[in-house]
Amino acid sequence: MIKNLYIKIIMLSVLASFLPQLYAAEEVDKIVAVVEDDVILKSELDTRVQTVTNQLVEQGTPLPPQSVLEKQVLDRLILTKLQIQMAAGTGIRVDDETLNRTIGGIAAENELTLDQFREILEADGYQYLNFREDIRNEIMMSRLRQRQVENRVFVSEREVDDFLINLQHQGGLEQEYLISHILISLPESPTQEDLEQSRQLADKVHLELREGADFAALAATYSDGDTALDGGDLGWRKYSQVPTLFVDFIATMVTGDISELIRSPSGYHIIKLMDVRDAEEMVVTQTEARHILIKTSEIVGEDEAVNRLVSLKRRIENGDDFSQLARGNSEDIVSAADGGELGWLSPGDTVPEFEAVMGEMEIDEVSDPFRTQFGFHILQVTGKRQHDSTDDIRRARARDVIRQRKSNEATETWLQELRDDAYVEYRLD
């Protein structure tokens, strides 16, 4: 459990910065980088390098040379520092209540109490106060990216249609791909010398891969991609989730293949197709239901709302028509006009409290009053069926994939601009 939890924590904080760790001897802790009006200390870098080293060892990924690892980690700390500075400068804050709730959620996901979670962190040498600041920074950066990039991304229905048509032509609807990636980056406005140096390095890495070198080791050593310290692993992706830049290559590759150099504005890419598997159909249990909602207010208290619903339930059980009672009593204006009908509902279509009650009911049964964030309800299930939601879910996922691709591309461009426009001075020996 500790191992899995440790990896999860590292993945959560892979871009997070560390609080200064002061050594006993003050002269040991020196500045390794100046980032605008802030600095990164040697102790911060050493702590982060040790954390990443532990992660690589846990994953069985060969370690790059120490100097290369330090440079990779320092670049990430710099980018994190710049984002935190911009977030703070634009008024983004994370209060302790939000932070505590987030950390409590992480502990709960691992089926731990907060005290147990803290003990495991500290047993693995990860200071709890540092972890809190890492998560605070991660939330701030997420809010900043959402404001700067994600809220500006729009996906049209035509884009979804075209995307799915293209997928069908490529024959990639029912398969998933395990991909690894190496990026040899270029600055935003590269000189001819930049282009030549990057191309030479990319050619060198590509040749070593062709000759059988370990992909994860070369990714950890040379890649500038976000997953470099994970051995370049992009994880399992449906064809629809493969970055646009790579889709034409993936379509012609078989397991174990290494691509040619792929040029983009961000640099030179190399991908390896690690494995392929079939994706499963998405059949779900749908429930047809209708309800009556009574909202609470300063005038209508909880007891009155429940009593009114108990009375309505009794009338329905004695033969009164549910639809007529919903039209005359339900405060869900939209469904009330249709006699309380909600139609066929798939898992996730309603709030958890509503779904939990609905899932335990038999057809034609009327529930006792229960509460959700919207008020108090009674519910009747009128049908259940197994439904192939593959097309609906595929369409929703296609929209998410397109949005994510656009967001990733926009984020990459934004981060490059942020880095290029900043004052950064390296002082790492």
Protein backbone atom coordinates (compact mmCIF):
# COMPACT_ATOMS: atom_id res chain seq x y z
CA MET A 1 0.00 0.00 0.00
CA ILE A 2 2.81 2.40 0.85
CA LYS A 3 4.40 1.89 -2.55
CA ASN A 4 1.18 2.62 -4.46
CA LEU A 5 0.37 5.58 -2.28
CA TYR A 6 3.87 6.96 -2.69
CA ILE A 7 3.63 6.82 -6.49
CA LYS A 8 0.23 8.48 -6.38
CA ILE A 9 1.59 11.33 -4.27
CA ILE A 10 4.53 11.83 -6.62
CA MET A 11 2.23 11.96 -9.66
CA LEU A 12 0.00 14.50 -7.94
CA SER A 13 2.95 16.78 -7.16
CA VAL A 14 5.18 16.15 -10.20
CA LEU A 15 5.06 19.84 -11.14
CA ALA A 16 4.84 21.20 -7.58
CA SER A 17 7.54 23.27 -5.90
CA PHE A 18 9.06 22.60 -2.50
CA LEU A 19 9.42 24.86 0.52
CA PRO A 20 13.02 25.83 1.29
CA GLN A 21 14.76 23.20 3.38
CA LEU A 22 17.39 24.94 5.45
CA TYR A 23 20.54 22.94 6.16
CA ALA A 24 22.20 23.18 9.51
CA ALA A 25 25.20 24.84 7.89
CA GLU A 26 23.89 27.99 6.22
CA GLU A 27 26.68 28.22 3.68
CA VAL A 28 25.66 24.87 2.13
CA ASP A 29 22.25 26.16 1.04
CA LYS A 30 22.96 28.33 -1.97
CA ILE A 31 20.87 29.74 -4.81
CA VAL A 32 20.76 27.53 -7.92
CA ALA A 33 18.38 29.70 -9.97
CA VAL A 34 16.86 33.17 -9.94
CA VAL A 35 13.29 33.22 -11.25
CA GLU A 36 11.99 36.77 -11.72
CA ASP A 37 12.01 38.15 -8.15
CA ASP A 38 12.25 34.75 -6.46
CA VAL A 39 14.95 32.10 -6.07
CA ILE A 40 15.31 28.33 -5.98
CA LEU A 41 17.64 27.00 -3.30
CA LYS A 42 20.01 24.06 -3.52
CA SER A 43 18.12 22.36 -0.70
CA GLU A 44 14.86 22.61 -2.68
CA LEU A 45 16.53 21.07 -5.69
CA ASP A 46 18.22 18.33 -3.66
CA THR A 47 14.94 17.40 -1.97
CA ARG A 48 13.10 17.23 -5.26
CA VAL A 49 15.90 15.27 -6.97
CA GLN A 50 15.84 12.73 -4.16
CA THR A 51 12.07 12.39 -4.46
CA VAL A 52 12.26 11.86 -8.22
CA THR A 53 15.14 9.41 -7.79
CA ASN A 54 13.02 7.37 -5.36
CA GLN A 55 10.17 7.41 -7.84
CA LEU A 56 12.35 6.17 -10.72
CA VAL A 57 13.80 3.41 -8.56
CA GLU A 58 10.28 2.36 -7.47
CA GLN A 59 9.23 2.17 -11.14
CA GLY A 60 12.36 0.33 -12.20
CA THR A 61 13.38 3.11 -14.62
CA PRO A 62 17.15 3.44 -15.15
CA LEU A 63 18.49 6.67 -13.67
CA PRO A 64 19.96 9.31 -15.99
CA PRO A 65 23.29 10.93 -15.07
CA GLN A 66 23.01 13.07 -11.94
CA SER A 67 23.75 16.31 -13.80
CA VAL A 68 21.02 15.57 -16.35
CA LEU A 69 18.51 14.70 -13.64
CA GLU A 70 19.29 17.90 -11.72
CA LYS A 71 18.80 20.01 -14.87
CA GLN A 72 15.48 18.30 -15.66
CA VAL A 73 14.20 18.79 -12.15
CA LEU A 74 15.42 22.37 -11.97
CA ASP A 75 13.61 23.24 -15.21
CA ARG A 76 10.40 21.88 -13.74
CA LEU A 77 10.87 23.81 -10.53
CA ILE A 78 11.42 26.98 -12.57
CA LEU A 79 8.24 26.44 -14.55
CA THR A 80 6.31 25.75 -11.36
CA LYS A 81 7.73 28.87 -9.73
CA LEU A 82 6.66 31.01 -12.70
CA GLN A 83 3.12 29.64 -12.60
CA ILE A 84 2.80 30.19 -8.87
CA GLN A 85 4.07 33.75 -9.25
CA MET A 86 1.55 34.46 -12.00
CA ALA A 87 -1.29 32.84 -10.05
CA ALA A 88 -0.52 34.92 -6.96
CA GLY A 89 -0.16 38.05 -9.09
CA THR A 90 -3.60 37.55 -10.61
CA GLY A 91 -5.29 37.05 -7.25
CA ILE A 92 -5.60 33.26 -7.20
CA ARG A 93 -5.62 31.98 -3.63
CA VAL A 94 -6.31 28.61 -1.99
CA ASP A 95 -7.72 28.88 1.53
CA ASP A 96 -7.01 26.34 4.24
CA GLU A 97 -10.57 24.99 4.14
CA THR A 98 -10.23 24.09 0.44
CA LEU A 99 -6.78 22.67 1.03
CA ASN A 100 -7.91 20.53 3.98
CA ARG A 101 -10.89 19.24 2.01
CA THR A 102 -8.65 18.27 -0.93
CA ILE A 103 -6.11 16.47 1.26
CA GLY A 104 -8.90 14.72 3.12
CA GLY A 105 -10.23 13.52 -0.24
CA ILE A 106 -6.82 12.14 -1.23
CA ALA A 107 -6.59 10.27 2.07
CA ALA A 108 -10.14 8.91 1.65
CA GLU A 109 -9.37 7.68 -1.88
CA ASN A 110 -6.57 5.62 -0.36
CA GLU A 111 -8.93 4.35 2.37
CA LEU A 112 -6.91 6.07 5.09
CA THR A 113 -7.66 8.45 7.89
CA LEU A 114 -5.83 11.77 7.77
CA ASP A 115 -3.55 10.66 10.62
CA GLN A 116 -2.69 7.41 8.84
CA PHE A 117 -2.06 9.28 5.61
CA ARG A 118 0.27 11.68 7.38
CA GLU A 119 2.17 8.85 9.06
CA ILE A 120 2.78 7.10 5.73
CA LEU A 121 3.98 10.32 4.13
CA GLU A 122 6.47 10.99 6.88
CA ALA A 123 7.59 7.34 7.01
CA ASP A 124 8.51 7.71 3.34
CA GLY A 125 10.50 10.85 4.16
CA TYR A 126 7.93 13.27 2.73
CA GLN A 127 7.27 16.13 5.17
CA TYR A 128 3.56 16.78 5.68
CA LEU A 129 3.94 20.56 5.62
CA ASN A 130 5.75 20.27 2.28
CA PHE A 131 2.97 18.06 0.96
CA ARG A 132 0.34 20.62 1.98
CA GLU A 133 2.17 23.37 0.10
CA ASP A 134 2.63 21.09 -2.92
CA ILE A 135 -1.11 20.48 -3.09
CA ARG A 136 -1.87 24.18 -2.53
CA ASN A 137 0.46 25.03 -5.42
CA GLU A 138 -1.06 22.32 -7.61
CA ILE A 139 -4.56 23.74 -7.04
CA MET A 140 -3.33 27.26 -7.79
CA MET A 141 -1.66 26.15 -11.02
CA SER A 142 -4.74 24.21 -12.07
CA ARG A 143 -6.92 27.28 -11.53
CA LEU A 144 -4.43 29.43 -13.41
CA ARG A 145 -4.35 27.06 -16.41
CA GLN A 146 -8.13 26.91 -16.39
CA ARG A 147 -8.32 30.69 -16.48
CA GLN A 148 -5.54 31.20 -19.03
CA VAL A 149 -6.24 28.27 -21.36
CA GLU A 150 -9.06 25.83 -20.68
CA ASN A 151 -11.93 28.33 -20.41
CA ARG A 152 -11.06 29.58 -23.90
CA VAL A 153 -11.29 26.18 -25.57
CA PHE A 154 -14.50 25.51 -27.53
CA VAL A 155 -15.54 22.28 -29.26
CA SER A 156 -18.29 22.35 -31.89
CA GLU A 157 -20.64 19.49 -32.79
CA ARG A 158 -19.16 19.57 -36.30
CA GLU A 159 -15.73 18.92 -34.85
CA VAL A 160 -17.11 15.92 -32.97
CA ASP A 161 -18.75 14.59 -36.15
CA ASP A 162 -15.58 15.00 -38.20
CA PHE A 163 -13.48 13.45 -35.46
CA LEU A 164 -15.64 10.31 -35.26
CA ILE A 165 -15.80 9.97 -39.06
CA ASN A 166 -12.02 10.17 -39.23
CA LEU A 167 -11.72 7.60 -36.45
CA GLN A 168 -13.97 5.20 -38.29
CA HIS A 169 -11.93 5.56 -41.48
CA GLN A 170 -8.76 4.90 -39.49
CA GLY A 171 -10.27 1.78 -37.95
CA GLY A 172 -9.32 2.97 -34.50
CA LEU A 173 -12.67 2.93 -32.71
CA GLU A 174 -12.20 -0.29 -30.79
CA GLN A 175 -8.51 -0.27 -29.91
CA GLU A 176 -6.30 1.26 -27.25
CA TYR A 177 -2.60 1.99 -27.56
CA LEU A 178 0.19 2.08 -24.98
CA ILE A 179 2.61 4.78 -26.15
CA SER A 180 5.93 6.13 -24.92
CA HIS A 181 7.28 9.52 -25.98
CA ILE A 182 10.53 11.50 -26.16
CA LEU A 183 10.65 15.22 -26.94
CA ILE A 184 13.80 17.12 -27.86
CA SER A 185 12.49 20.64 -27.46
CA LEU A 186 13.11 23.89 -29.31
CA PRO A 187 12.77 27.45 -27.99
CA GLU A 188 9.82 29.53 -29.21
CA SER A 189 11.87 31.33 -31.88
CA PRO A 190 14.76 28.96 -32.63
CA THR A 191 17.90 30.08 -34.41
CA GLN A 192 19.53 27.96 -37.07
CA GLU A 193 22.04 26.85 -34.44
CA ASP A 194 19.17 25.80 -32.12
CA LEU A 195 17.63 23.78 -34.93
CA GLU A 196 20.88 22.03 -35.76
CA GLN A 197 21.73 21.19 -32.13
CA SER A 198 18.27 19.81 -31.43
CA ARG A 199 18.24 17.80 -34.64
CA GLN A 200 21.66 16.33 -33.90
CA LEU A 201 20.54 15.27 -30.42
CA ALA A 202 17.28 13.88 -31.78
CA ASP A 203 19.19 11.89 -34.43
CA LYS A 204 21.53 10.54 -31.75
CA VAL A 205 18.67 9.41 -29.50
CA HIS A 206 16.79 7.93 -32.45
CA LEU A 207 19.83 5.94 -33.55
CA GLU A 208 20.38 4.58 -30.03
CA LEU A 209 16.75 3.47 -29.91
CA ARG A 210 17.07 1.75 -33.28
CA GLU A 211 20.09 -0.08 -31.93
CA GLY A 212 18.11 -1.40 -28.97
CA ALA A 213 18.68 1.15 -26.20
CA ASP A 214 16.13 1.26 -23.38
CA PHE A 215 13.41 3.79 -24.27
CA ALA A 216 12.59 4.69 -20.64
CA ALA A 217 16.25 5.34 -19.83
CA LEU A 218 16.73 7.62 -22.84
CA ALA A 219 13.46 9.43 -22.08
CA ALA A 220 14.57 10.08 -18.49
CA THR A 221 17.95 11.30 -19.74
CA TYR A 222 17.10 13.38 -22.80
CA SER A 223 13.37 14.07 -23.08
CA ASP A 224 11.92 17.50 -22.33
CA GLY A 225 8.37 16.10 -22.24
CA ASP A 226 6.17 16.15 -19.15
CA THR A 227 6.47 12.37 -18.77
CA ALA A 228 10.27 12.22 -19.12
CA LEU A 229 10.79 11.17 -15.52
CA ASP A 230 8.17 8.44 -16.00
CA GLY A 231 10.23 6.97 -18.81
CA GLY A 232 8.14 8.82 -21.40
CA ASP A 233 5.07 6.69 -20.62
CA LEU A 234 1.87 8.32 -21.96
CA GLY A 235 -0.28 5.46 -20.67
CA TRP A 236 -3.09 3.60 -22.42
CA ARG A 237 -4.97 5.76 -24.91
CA LYS A 238 -7.78 5.11 -27.33
CA TYR A 239 -7.02 6.11 -30.89
CA SER A 240 -9.19 9.16 -30.27
CA GLN A 241 -6.95 10.16 -27.36
CA VAL A 242 -3.66 9.93 -29.25
CA PRO A 243 -2.18 13.43 -29.76
CA THR A 244 -3.06 14.74 -33.22
CA LEU A 245 0.60 14.95 -34.13
CA PHE A 246 1.03 11.19 -33.71
CA VAL A 247 -2.19 9.70 -35.13
CA ASP A 248 -0.93 9.16 -38.70
CA PHE A 249 2.13 7.34 -37.38
CA ILE A 250 0.23 5.17 -34.88
CA ALA A 251 -2.15 4.00 -37.63
CA THR A 252 0.73 2.29 -39.47
CA MET A 253 2.75 1.04 -36.48
CA VAL A 254 2.78 -2.36 -34.79
CA THR A 255 3.79 -3.22 -31.25
CA GLY A 256 7.47 -2.44 -30.66
CA ASP A 257 7.78 -0.01 -33.57
CA ILE A 258 9.69 3.25 -33.11
CA SER A 259 8.57 6.20 -35.21
CA GLU A 260 10.71 8.39 -37.40
CA LEU A 261 11.50 11.86 -36.04
CA ILE A 262 8.29 13.88 -35.85
CA ARG A 263 8.79 17.62 -36.19
CA SER A 264 6.51 20.17 -34.51
CA PRO A 265 6.91 23.79 -33.38
CA SER A 266 7.86 22.50 -29.92
CA GLY A 267 10.69 20.30 -31.20
CA TYR A 268 11.45 16.76 -32.37
CA HIS A 269 9.34 13.85 -31.11
CA ILE A 270 9.95 10.12 -31.07
CA ILE A 271 7.22 7.67 -30.10
CA LYS A 272 7.25 3.94 -29.47
CA LEU A 273 4.16 1.76 -29.66
CA MET A 274 4.51 -0.42 -26.57
CA ASP A 275 1.30 -2.44 -26.85
CA VAL A 276 -2.22 -2.58 -28.38
CA ARG A 277 -5.45 -3.95 -26.89
CA ASP A 278 -9.16 -4.05 -27.77
CA ALA A 279 -11.46 -1.55 -26.11
CA GLU A 280 -14.65 -2.90 -24.54
CA GLU A 281 -18.21 -2.03 -25.49
CA MET A 282 -19.96 0.25 -23.05
CA VAL A 283 -23.26 -1.36 -22.01
CA VAL A 284 -24.97 0.27 -19.02
CA THR A 285 -28.12 -0.26 -17.02
CA GLN A 286 -30.51 2.60 -17.68
CA THR A 287 -33.43 3.46 -15.43
CA GLU A 288 -36.64 5.18 -16.49
CA ALA A 289 -37.93 7.32 -13.63
CA ARG A 290 -40.14 10.21 -12.60
CA HIS A 291 -40.16 12.32 -9.46
CA ILE A 292 -41.81 15.06 -7.48
CA LEU A 293 -39.61 17.74 -5.91
CA ILE A 294 -40.45 20.00 -2.97
CA LYS A 295 -37.89 22.71 -2.18
CA THR A 296 -37.27 24.08 1.28
CA SER A 297 -37.24 27.80 1.97
CA GLU A 298 -37.81 30.29 4.77
CA ILE A 299 -41.51 29.52 4.40
CA VAL A 300 -41.35 25.77 3.76
CA GLY A 301 -39.24 23.93 6.33
CA GLU A 302 -37.82 20.42 6.08
CA ASP A 303 -40.59 18.82 8.13
CA GLU A 304 -43.29 20.41 6.01
CA ALA A 305 -41.59 19.35 2.77
CA VAL A 306 -41.31 15.75 3.98
CA ASN A 307 -44.93 15.68 5.23
CA ARG A 308 -46.22 16.96 1.89
CA LEU A 309 -44.30 14.25 0.04
CA VAL A 310 -45.49 11.54 2.46
CA SER A 311 -49.06 12.64 1.73
CA LEU A 312 -48.45 12.57 -2.03
CA LYS A 313 -46.89 9.11 -1.82
CA ARG A 314 -49.94 7.83 0.09
CA ARG A 315 -52.27 9.23 -2.58
CA ILE A 316 -50.25 7.55 -5.36
CA GLU A 317 -50.35 4.21 -3.53
CA ASN A 318 -54.14 4.63 -3.19
CA GLY A 319 -54.55 5.05 -6.93
CA ASP A 320 -54.05 8.74 -7.73
CA ASP A 321 -52.16 9.42 -10.96
CA PHE A 322 -48.45 10.21 -10.41
CA SER A 323 -48.29 12.44 -13.49
CA GLN A 324 -51.20 14.61 -12.40
CA LEU A 325 -49.80 15.02 -8.89
CA ALA A 326 -46.37 15.91 -10.32
CA ARG A 327 -47.87 18.57 -12.60
CA GLY A 328 -49.74 20.11 -9.67
CA ASN A 329 -47.11 19.83 -6.95
CA SER A 330 -43.53 19.33 -8.21
CA GLU A 331 -41.23 22.34 -8.05
CA ASP A 332 -38.94 20.92 -10.74
CA ILE A 333 -40.49 23.15 -13.41
CA VAL A 334 -39.01 21.32 -16.39
CA SER A 335 -40.02 17.77 -15.43
CA ALA A 336 -43.32 18.83 -13.82
CA ALA A 337 -44.65 19.86 -17.22
CA ASP A 338 -44.07 16.25 -18.35
CA GLY A 339 -45.69 14.68 -15.31
CA GLY A 340 -42.37 14.43 -13.46
CA GLU A 341 -40.80 12.31 -16.22
CA LEU A 342 -37.00 12.26 -16.28
CA GLY A 343 -36.68 9.82 -19.18
CA TRP A 344 -34.05 7.08 -19.40
CA LEU A 345 -31.16 7.81 -17.05
CA SER A 346 -27.65 6.37 -17.33
CA PRO A 347 -25.21 6.08 -14.41
CA GLY A 348 -23.84 9.53 -13.63
CA ASP A 349 -26.79 11.45 -15.08
CA THR A 350 -28.11 12.39 -11.63
CA VAL A 351 -26.59 13.41 -8.32
CA PRO A 352 -25.26 10.51 -6.17
CA GLU A 353 -28.07 10.64 -3.57
CA PHE A 354 -30.74 10.39 -6.27
CA GLU A 355 -28.91 7.61 -8.10
CA ALA A 356 -28.41 5.61 -4.89
CA VAL A 357 -32.15 5.59 -4.10
CA MET A 358 -33.10 4.87 -7.71
CA GLY A 359 -30.67 1.96 -7.94
CA GLU A 360 -32.29 0.11 -5.02
CA MET A 361 -35.87 0.40 -6.27
CA GLU A 362 -38.10 -2.07 -8.10
CA ILE A 363 -40.24 -1.10 -11.08
CA ASP A 364 -43.42 0.83 -10.08
CA GLU A 365 -42.18 1.25 -6.51
CA VAL A 366 -42.50 4.74 -5.00
CA SER A 367 -39.71 5.84 -2.68
CA ASP A 368 -39.93 7.44 0.73
CA PRO A 369 -38.99 11.14 0.75
CA PHE A 370 -35.25 11.69 0.47
CA ARG A 371 -33.02 14.71 0.25
CA THR A 372 -30.58 15.99 -2.36
CA GLN A 373 -28.97 19.36 -2.90
CA PHE A 374 -32.10 20.44 -4.79
CA GLY A 375 -34.62 19.68 -2.05
CA PHE A 376 -36.77 16.68 -1.07
CA HIS A 377 -38.03 14.11 -3.57
CA ILE A 378 -40.23 11.10 -3.99
CA LEU A 379 -39.28 8.90 -6.90
CA GLN A 380 -40.93 6.19 -8.97
CA VAL A 381 -39.01 3.82 -11.22
CA THR A 382 -41.05 2.92 -14.32
CA GLY A 383 -38.54 0.81 -16.24
CA LYS A 384 -35.05 -0.65 -16.44
CA ARG A 385 -33.03 -1.81 -19.42
CA GLN A 386 -29.58 -2.75 -20.58
CA HIS A 387 -28.51 -0.12 -23.07
CA ASP A 388 -25.53 -0.01 -25.40
CA SER A 389 -24.30 3.50 -24.69
CA THR A 390 -21.18 3.07 -26.78
CA ASP A 391 -22.17 5.74 -29.31
CA ASP A 392 -23.34 8.22 -26.68
CA ILE A 393 -20.28 7.69 -24.51
CA ARG A 394 -17.98 7.69 -27.52
CA ARG A 395 -19.40 11.02 -28.61
CA ALA A 396 -18.99 12.48 -25.15
CA ARG A 397 -15.46 11.15 -24.95
CA ALA A 398 -14.68 12.48 -28.41
CA ARG A 399 -15.72 15.92 -27.24
CA ASP A 400 -13.52 15.54 -24.17
CA VAL A 401 -10.59 14.34 -26.28
CA ILE A 402 -10.87 17.23 -28.71
CA ARG A 403 -11.12 19.66 -25.83
CA GLN A 404 -8.14 18.03 -24.11
CA ARG A 405 -6.04 18.12 -27.27
CA LYS A 406 -6.82 21.77 -27.82
CA SER A 407 -6.16 22.48 -24.16
CA ASN A 408 -2.85 20.58 -24.19
CA GLU A 409 -1.64 22.36 -27.30
CA ALA A 410 -2.70 25.74 -25.95
CA THR A 411 -1.15 24.99 -22.55
CA GLU A 412 2.14 23.93 -24.13
CA THR A 413 2.28 27.16 -26.13
CA TRP A 414 1.32 29.24 -23.11
CA LEU A 415 3.95 27.62 -20.87
CA GLN A 416 6.63 28.13 -23.52
CA GLU A 417 5.69 31.80 -23.79
CA LEU A 418 5.65 32.12 -20.01
CA ARG A 419 9.15 30.66 -19.82
CA ASP A 420 10.53 32.68 -22.75
CA ASP A 421 9.17 35.97 -21.38
CA ALA A 422 10.54 35.43 -17.87
CA TYR A 423 13.86 36.44 -16.38
CA VAL A 424 15.63 33.25 -15.34
CA GLU A 425 19.26 32.99 -14.27
CA TYR A 426 20.83 29.57 -13.78
CA ARG A 427 23.42 29.22 -11.04
CA LEU A 428 23.66 25.45 -11.00
CA ASP A 429 27.27 24.27 -11.19
